[in-house]
Amino acid sequence: MIGTLLHRLLWATPTQLAFTRLPEDQRDCFTEWYVVGVLALSIVIYFVRSVSLALVSTYVSVSTLIVMLHIVLAAGFRGEMVP
């Protein structure tokens, strides 16, 4: 049940939406820029405090957590070790 919930929530993450819409040769580039962009956004949100930016920050943080949980749980079901 938790796996199904995480799988459904995974589709609402920015990275998954981009992966389904981007051609395969542009996915690595997107991932690199996404990490840099989220880091820069987090720094800006820290200094410029507003409710709307806090909601964006929360969305990015929760989507990252969902992706990480999905990776760890999927690897656990397959019996793989996650470093």
N, C-alpha and C. Protein backbone atom coordinates (compact mmCIF):
# COMPACT_ATOMS: atom_id res chain seq x y z
N MET A 1 0.82 -1.18 0.00
CA MET A 1 0.00 0.00 0.00
C MET A 1 0.87 1.26 0.00
N ILE A 2 1.93 1.27 0.82
CA ILE A 2 2.80 2.45 0.86
C ILE A 2 3.54 2.59 -0.46
N GLY A 3 3.94 1.46 -1.04
CA GLY A 3 4.62 1.50 -2.33
C GLY A 3 3.73 2.10 -3.41
N THR A 4 2.47 1.75 -3.40
CA THR A 4 1.52 2.30 -4.38
C THR A 4 1.36 3.80 -4.18
N LEU A 5 1.25 4.22 -2.93
CA LEU A 5 1.11 5.65 -2.63
C LEU A 5 2.35 6.41 -3.09
N LEU A 6 3.53 5.89 -2.78
CA LEU A 6 4.77 6.56 -3.20
C LEU A 6 4.88 6.60 -4.72
N HIS A 7 4.47 5.51 -5.37
CA HIS A 7 4.53 5.49 -6.84
C HIS A 7 3.60 6.54 -7.44
N ARG A 8 2.44 6.72 -6.88
CA ARG A 8 1.51 7.74 -7.40
C ARG A 8 2.00 9.14 -7.10
N LEU A 9 2.56 9.35 -5.90
CA LEU A 9 3.11 10.66 -5.57
C LEU A 9 4.35 10.98 -6.40
N LEU A 10 5.06 9.95 -6.82
CA LEU A 10 6.26 10.14 -7.63
C LEU A 10 5.94 10.85 -8.94
N TRP A 11 4.76 10.61 -9.48
CA TRP A 11 4.39 11.23 -10.75
C TRP A 11 4.16 12.73 -10.63
N ALA A 12 4.02 13.25 -9.42
CA ALA A 12 3.82 14.69 -9.23
C ALA A 12 5.11 15.44 -8.96
N THR A 13 6.24 14.74 -9.02
CA THR A 13 7.52 15.40 -8.77
C THR A 13 8.05 16.05 -10.04
N PRO A 14 8.76 17.17 -9.92
CA PRO A 14 9.28 17.85 -11.11
C PRO A 14 10.20 16.98 -11.95
N THR A 15 11.03 16.17 -11.31
CA THR A 15 11.96 15.34 -12.08
C THR A 15 11.22 14.28 -12.89
N GLN A 16 10.22 13.66 -12.31
CA GLN A 16 9.47 12.64 -13.05
C GLN A 16 8.68 13.26 -14.20
N LEU A 17 8.09 14.42 -13.96
CA LEU A 17 7.37 15.09 -15.05
C LEU A 17 8.31 15.44 -16.19
N ALA A 18 9.51 15.90 -15.86
CA ALA A 18 10.48 16.24 -16.90
C ALA A 18 10.97 14.99 -17.62
N PHE A 19 11.18 13.90 -16.89
CA PHE A 19 11.66 12.67 -17.51
C PHE A 19 10.64 12.08 -18.48
N THR A 20 9.36 12.27 -18.20
CA THR A 20 8.36 11.74 -19.11
C THR A 20 8.19 12.61 -20.34
N ARG A 21 8.59 13.88 -20.25
CA ARG A 21 8.40 14.80 -21.37
C ARG A 21 9.67 15.09 -22.15
N LEU A 22 10.84 14.89 -21.56
CA LEU A 22 12.10 15.20 -22.23
C LEU A 22 12.61 14.02 -23.04
N PRO A 23 13.29 14.31 -24.17
CA PRO A 23 13.95 13.22 -24.89
C PRO A 23 15.06 12.62 -24.03
N GLU A 24 15.41 11.39 -24.31
CA GLU A 24 16.37 10.68 -23.47
C GLU A 24 17.74 11.34 -23.43
N ASP A 25 18.17 11.97 -24.50
CA ASP A 25 19.50 12.59 -24.51
C ASP A 25 19.58 13.89 -23.71
N GLN A 26 18.46 14.44 -23.29
CA GLN A 26 18.46 15.69 -22.51
C GLN A 26 18.21 15.47 -21.02
N ARG A 27 17.99 14.25 -20.60
CA ARG A 27 17.65 13.98 -19.21
C ARG A 27 18.81 14.24 -18.26
N ASP A 28 20.03 13.83 -18.63
CA ASP A 28 21.17 14.06 -17.74
C ASP A 28 21.44 15.54 -17.56
N CYS A 29 21.32 16.29 -18.63
CA CYS A 29 21.52 17.74 -18.56
C CYS A 29 20.47 18.37 -17.64
N PHE A 30 19.24 17.92 -17.76
CA PHE A 30 18.17 18.45 -16.90
C PHE A 30 18.47 18.16 -15.44
N THR A 31 18.91 16.94 -15.14
CA THR A 31 19.20 16.57 -13.75
C THR A 31 20.28 17.46 -13.17
N GLU A 32 21.34 17.72 -13.93
CA GLU A 32 22.42 18.58 -13.45
C GLU A 32 21.92 20.00 -13.18
N TRP A 33 21.15 20.55 -14.09
CA TRP A 33 20.64 21.91 -13.91
C TRP A 33 19.57 21.97 -12.84
N TYR A 34 18.83 20.90 -12.67
CA TYR A 34 17.80 20.86 -11.63
C TYR A 34 18.45 20.96 -10.24
N VAL A 35 19.52 20.23 -10.04
CA VAL A 35 20.21 20.26 -8.75
C VAL A 35 20.75 21.65 -8.47
N VAL A 36 21.40 22.26 -9.46
CA VAL A 36 21.94 23.62 -9.29
C VAL A 36 20.81 24.61 -9.08
N GLY A 37 19.73 24.47 -9.83
CA GLY A 37 18.60 25.39 -9.71
C GLY A 37 17.91 25.30 -8.35
N VAL A 38 17.74 24.09 -7.86
CA VAL A 38 17.09 23.92 -6.55
C VAL A 38 17.98 24.46 -5.44
N LEU A 39 19.29 24.29 -5.57
CA LEU A 39 20.20 24.85 -4.58
C LEU A 39 20.11 26.38 -4.57
N ALA A 40 20.14 26.98 -5.76
CA ALA A 40 20.03 28.44 -5.85
C ALA A 40 18.68 28.92 -5.32
N LEU A 41 17.62 28.20 -5.66
CA LEU A 41 16.29 28.56 -5.17
C LEU A 41 16.21 28.48 -3.65
N SER A 42 16.82 27.48 -3.07
CA SER A 42 16.82 27.35 -1.61
C SER A 42 17.53 28.51 -0.95
N ILE A 43 18.63 28.95 -1.54
CA ILE A 43 19.36 30.10 -0.98
C ILE A 43 18.53 31.37 -1.07
N VAL A 44 17.88 31.58 -2.21
CA VAL A 44 17.03 32.77 -2.39
C VAL A 44 15.87 32.73 -1.40
N ILE A 45 15.24 31.59 -1.26
CA ILE A 45 14.10 31.46 -0.34
C ILE A 45 14.51 31.73 1.09
N TYR A 46 15.73 31.33 1.45
CA TYR A 46 16.20 31.58 2.81
C TYR A 46 16.28 33.07 3.13
N PHE A 47 16.74 33.85 2.14
CA PHE A 47 16.92 35.28 2.38
C PHE A 47 15.67 36.11 2.09
N VAL A 48 14.86 35.68 1.14
CA VAL A 48 13.62 36.40 0.79
C VAL A 48 12.46 35.58 1.32
N ARG A 49 11.96 35.98 2.43
CA ARG A 49 10.93 35.16 3.09
C ARG A 49 9.53 35.60 2.67
N SER A 50 8.80 34.63 2.14
CA SER A 50 7.39 34.87 1.80
C SER A 50 6.67 33.53 1.84
N VAL A 51 5.38 33.59 1.97
CA VAL A 51 4.58 32.37 2.07
C VAL A 51 4.60 31.59 0.76
N SER A 52 4.50 32.28 -0.35
CA SER A 52 4.49 31.57 -1.64
C SER A 52 5.82 30.88 -1.91
N LEU A 53 6.93 31.52 -1.55
CA LEU A 53 8.23 30.87 -1.73
C LEU A 53 8.40 29.70 -0.75
N ALA A 54 7.83 29.83 0.42
CA ALA A 54 7.88 28.72 1.38
C ALA A 54 7.12 27.51 0.84
N LEU A 55 6.01 27.76 0.16
CA LEU A 55 5.25 26.65 -0.44
C LEU A 55 6.04 25.99 -1.56
N VAL A 56 6.74 26.78 -2.37
CA VAL A 56 7.58 26.22 -3.43
C VAL A 56 8.70 25.38 -2.82
N SER A 57 9.32 25.91 -1.77
CA SER A 57 10.39 25.19 -1.10
C SER A 57 9.88 23.88 -0.50
N THR A 58 8.71 23.91 0.08
CA THR A 58 8.12 22.70 0.65
C THR A 58 7.83 21.67 -0.43
N TYR A 59 7.30 22.12 -1.56
CA TYR A 59 7.00 21.21 -2.68
C TYR A 59 8.27 20.54 -3.18
N VAL A 60 9.34 21.30 -3.34
CA VAL A 60 10.60 20.74 -3.83
C VAL A 60 11.17 19.76 -2.81
N SER A 61 11.12 20.11 -1.53
CA SER A 61 11.64 19.24 -0.49
C SER A 61 10.85 17.94 -0.39
N VAL A 62 9.54 18.04 -0.42
CA VAL A 62 8.71 16.84 -0.34
C VAL A 62 8.89 15.97 -1.57
N SER A 63 8.99 16.56 -2.74
CA SER A 63 9.18 15.76 -3.95
C SER A 63 10.53 15.05 -3.93
N THR A 64 11.55 15.71 -3.39
CA THR A 64 12.85 15.06 -3.26
C THR A 64 12.77 13.89 -2.28
N LEU A 65 12.08 14.09 -1.17
CA LEU A 65 11.92 13.02 -0.19
C LEU A 65 11.16 11.83 -0.79
N ILE A 66 10.14 12.10 -1.57
CA ILE A 66 9.37 11.03 -2.20
C ILE A 66 10.24 10.23 -3.16
N VAL A 67 11.05 10.91 -3.95
CA VAL A 67 11.93 10.22 -4.88
C VAL A 67 12.94 9.36 -4.12
N MET A 68 13.51 9.91 -3.05
CA MET A 68 14.49 9.15 -2.27
C MET A 68 13.85 7.93 -1.61
N LEU A 69 12.66 8.08 -1.04
CA LEU A 69 11.97 6.94 -0.45
C LEU A 69 11.65 5.88 -1.49
N HIS A 70 11.25 6.31 -2.66
CA HIS A 70 10.92 5.38 -3.73
C HIS A 70 12.16 4.57 -4.12
N ILE A 71 13.31 5.24 -4.23
CA ILE A 71 14.55 4.55 -4.60
C ILE A 71 14.94 3.53 -3.53
N VAL A 72 14.91 3.95 -2.27
CA VAL A 72 15.32 3.07 -1.18
C VAL A 72 14.37 1.89 -1.04
N LEU A 73 13.07 2.14 -1.08
CA LEU A 73 12.12 1.03 -0.93
C LEU A 73 12.14 0.10 -2.12
N ALA A 74 12.29 0.63 -3.32
CA ALA A 74 12.35 -0.23 -4.51
C ALA A 74 13.59 -1.10 -4.47
N ALA A 75 14.72 -0.54 -4.03
CA ALA A 75 15.94 -1.32 -3.93
C ALA A 75 15.80 -2.38 -2.84
N GLY A 76 15.11 -2.04 -1.76
CA GLY A 76 14.90 -3.01 -0.68
C GLY A 76 14.05 -4.19 -1.12
N PHE A 77 13.05 -3.94 -1.95
CA PHE A 77 12.21 -5.02 -2.45
C PHE A 77 12.96 -5.92 -3.41
N ARG A 78 13.92 -5.35 -4.14
CA ARG A 78 14.71 -6.15 -5.08
C ARG A 78 15.90 -6.81 -4.39
N GLY A 79 16.16 -6.45 -3.13
CA GLY A 79 17.27 -7.07 -2.40
C GLY A 79 18.61 -6.41 -2.66
N GLU A 80 18.62 -5.22 -3.21
CA GLU A 80 19.87 -4.53 -3.50
C GLU A 80 20.27 -3.68 -2.30
N MET A 81 21.55 -3.42 -2.18
CA MET A 81 22.06 -2.54 -1.13
C MET A 81 22.13 -1.14 -1.69
N VAL A 82 21.61 -0.16 -0.96
CA VAL A 82 21.69 1.23 -1.36
C VAL A 82 22.79 1.88 -0.52
N PRO A 83 23.82 2.47 -1.19
CA PRO A 83 24.91 3.06 -0.41
C PRO A 83 24.49 4.25 0.39
